Every structure is written in C-alpha cells, then in structure tokens.
Amino acid sequence: MISKKKRSLIMSKIKRKNTQPEVYVEKFLRSKKVKFTKQVKLPGKPDFFIKSFKRAIFVNGCFWHMHKCKKFKMPKSNVLFWSKKLKRNVERDKYNCKRLRNSGFKVLNVWECNLERVRLYAK
C-alpha cells in the first residue's frame, strides 16, 4: 500500500491536457491532414472535434474512466473515495456522450490501452 503523502505526490503529477495518448492521437490526425479543434466547449469538452464530420473524440485514460482492461485496477487504499469518484466519471461520460449524440454529433472514445497496442505495431 502507498502512503497518503506518496499517493498525493503521484496524483499531483498527472496532467489534465496534452497527455501522451492525446499527443499520439493529435499526431495521427495531423498525419492524415484532418482539420480539428482541441478542447472544444461542447458537453464533456471533447479532446478533439472534427467540425466537417461533426465528430467528437475523447481520449480516455483506462484508470480514470474505469475501462475493463488490464490497465485498470481499483486502488487498495481509500476505496470508498476512489469508487465514488471513478463511478461519477463514468456516469458523466455517459451523460455527455448522450447529449452530444442527441445534438447530432458522432462520438468516438479512444482508450489509452488501445493506443499502446497501436504504438507497438507502429515502431
């Protein structure tokens, strides 16, 4: 188990924007010459928005969005806090995706674990 102080230090270093998976998706979109906007003021603030296709792209970290993959593990300390927080994230994601779809946008969720597999093959 990790101490509170150590956990706090780890969590404080996690970036909100321009994460490694986001940078990878951005490079991919640029390589395909796709015009996009970052961090658009739409429900959920999609990481990328392609206006010509009415497409909202979210790049999701497996931990923060409770993806059912090997990368997600519920923390062993402060379980009640993390359980509530992560479940709220998932519910908020569903709500925002529904709002976007009801407004005529197509939503694409890109998962961190899938990008890692793609990067392995791209080398």
Protein backbone atom coordinates (compact mmCIF):
# COMPACT_ATOMS: atom_id res chain seq x y z
CA MET A 1 0.00 0.00 0.00
CA ILE A 2 1.14 3.53 -0.77
CA SER A 3 1.20 6.22 1.90
CA LYS A 4 -1.13 9.23 1.62
CA LYS A 5 1.82 11.54 1.03
CA LYS A 6 3.23 9.36 -1.77
CA ARG A 7 -0.23 8.94 -3.39
CA SER A 8 -0.74 12.71 -3.27
CA LEU A 9 2.61 13.28 -4.98
CA ILE A 10 1.81 10.74 -7.71
CA MET A 11 -1.64 12.21 -8.37
CA SER A 12 -0.34 15.79 -8.47
CA LYS A 13 1.91 14.89 -11.42
CA ILE A 14 -0.91 13.66 -13.63
CA LYS A 15 -1.61 16.12 -16.43
CA ARG A 16 -5.09 17.11 -17.49
CA LYS A 17 -4.30 18.18 -21.08
CA ASN A 18 -1.79 17.06 -23.67
CA THR A 19 -1.31 13.64 -22.15
CA GLN A 20 0.81 11.15 -24.05
CA PRO A 21 -2.25 9.37 -25.55
CA GLU A 22 -3.70 12.75 -26.65
CA VAL A 23 -0.41 13.73 -28.28
CA TYR A 24 -0.37 10.41 -30.15
CA VAL A 25 -3.94 10.94 -31.48
CA GLU A 26 -3.08 14.53 -32.43
CA LYS A 27 -0.03 13.37 -34.42
CA PHE A 28 -2.17 10.75 -36.15
CA LEU A 29 -4.85 13.29 -37.12
CA ARG A 30 -2.21 15.72 -38.40
CA SER A 31 -0.53 12.96 -40.43
CA LYS A 32 -3.89 12.33 -42.14
CA LYS A 33 -4.30 16.10 -42.69
CA VAL A 34 -7.55 16.16 -40.70
CA LYS A 35 -8.58 19.61 -39.50
CA PHE A 36 -9.59 19.55 -35.86
CA THR A 37 -10.04 21.74 -32.83
CA LYS A 38 -8.83 20.82 -29.36
CA GLN A 39 -10.76 21.18 -26.09
CA VAL A 40 -13.99 22.48 -27.64
CA LYS A 41 -16.73 23.91 -25.43
CA LEU A 42 -19.19 21.10 -26.02
CA PRO A 43 -20.64 18.73 -23.42
CA GLY A 44 -17.74 16.87 -21.81
CA LYS A 45 -15.13 19.06 -23.57
CA PRO A 46 -14.03 16.55 -26.22
CA ASP A 47 -10.26 16.32 -26.61
CA PHE A 48 -10.66 16.76 -30.38
CA PHE A 49 -13.51 17.99 -32.54
CA ILE A 50 -13.69 17.48 -36.30
CA LYS A 51 -16.25 20.02 -37.49
CA SER A 52 -16.51 18.72 -41.08
CA PHE A 53 -17.58 15.28 -39.81
CA LYS A 54 -19.40 16.51 -36.67
CA ARG A 55 -17.20 14.11 -34.74
CA ALA A 56 -16.24 14.48 -31.07
CA ILE A 57 -13.22 12.44 -29.96
CA PHE A 58 -12.46 11.65 -26.34
CA VAL A 59 -9.08 10.15 -25.43
CA ASN A 60 -9.76 8.27 -22.21
CA GLY A 61 -7.31 7.03 -19.62
CA CYS A 62 -8.19 3.50 -18.57
CA PHE A 63 -7.87 4.26 -14.85
CA TRP A 64 -9.87 7.49 -14.78
CA HIS A 65 -12.75 6.08 -16.83
CA MET A 66 -12.79 2.53 -15.36
CA HIS A 67 -12.08 0.75 -18.63
CA LYS A 68 -12.46 -3.01 -18.36
CA CYS A 69 -8.88 -3.85 -19.32
CA LYS A 70 -5.62 -4.89 -17.67
CA LYS A 71 -4.62 -1.26 -17.06
CA PHE A 72 -7.50 -0.57 -14.67
CA LYS A 73 -7.07 -1.57 -11.05
CA MET A 74 -9.11 -0.12 -8.22
CA PRO A 75 -6.76 1.41 -5.63
CA LYS A 76 -6.45 -0.61 -2.44
CA SER A 77 -6.39 2.45 -0.20
CA ASN A 78 -9.27 4.87 0.27
CA VAL A 79 -11.53 2.54 -1.73
CA LEU A 80 -14.79 4.34 -0.96
CA PHE A 81 -13.42 7.68 -2.21
CA TRP A 82 -11.98 6.21 -5.43
CA SER A 83 -15.02 4.08 -6.10
CA LYS A 84 -17.37 7.10 -5.89
CA LYS A 85 -15.03 9.35 -7.89
CA LEU A 86 -14.46 6.91 -10.73
CA LYS A 87 -18.14 5.91 -10.94
CA ARG A 88 -19.04 9.62 -11.19
CA ASN A 89 -16.58 9.93 -14.08
CA VAL A 90 -18.21 7.03 -15.92
CA GLU A 91 -21.72 8.40 -15.36
CA ARG A 92 -20.63 11.88 -16.50
CA ASP A 93 -19.07 10.34 -19.64
CA LYS A 94 -22.33 8.53 -20.50
CA TYR A 95 -24.37 11.68 -19.91
CA ASN A 96 -22.09 13.87 -22.05
CA CYS A 97 -21.92 11.33 -24.89
CA LYS A 98 -25.72 11.10 -24.90
CA ARG A 99 -26.03 14.90 -25.05
CA LEU A 100 -23.58 15.08 -27.95
CA ARG A 101 -25.35 12.31 -29.88
CA ASN A 102 -28.73 13.97 -29.30
CA SER A 103 -27.23 17.16 -30.79
CA GLY A 104 -26.27 15.29 -33.96
CA PHE A 105 -22.60 14.61 -33.22
CA LYS A 106 -20.87 11.27 -33.59
CA VAL A 107 -18.77 10.35 -30.57
CA LEU A 108 -15.57 8.34 -30.65
CA ASN A 109 -13.92 7.12 -27.45
CA VAL A 110 -10.25 6.23 -27.83
CA TRP A 111 -8.82 4.17 -24.97
CA GLU A 112 -5.30 4.52 -23.64
CA CYS A 113 -4.72 0.73 -23.73
CA ASN A 114 -5.68 0.52 -27.42
CA LEU A 115 -3.24 3.28 -28.30
CA GLU A 116 -0.42 1.43 -26.58
CA ARG A 117 -1.05 -1.62 -28.77
CA VAL A 118 -1.12 0.57 -31.90
CA ARG A 119 2.15 2.28 -30.91
CA LEU A 120 3.85 -1.11 -30.52
CA TYR A 121 2.98 -2.05 -34.09
CA ALA A 122 3.86 1.38 -35.48
CA LYS A 123 7.52 1.09 -34.39
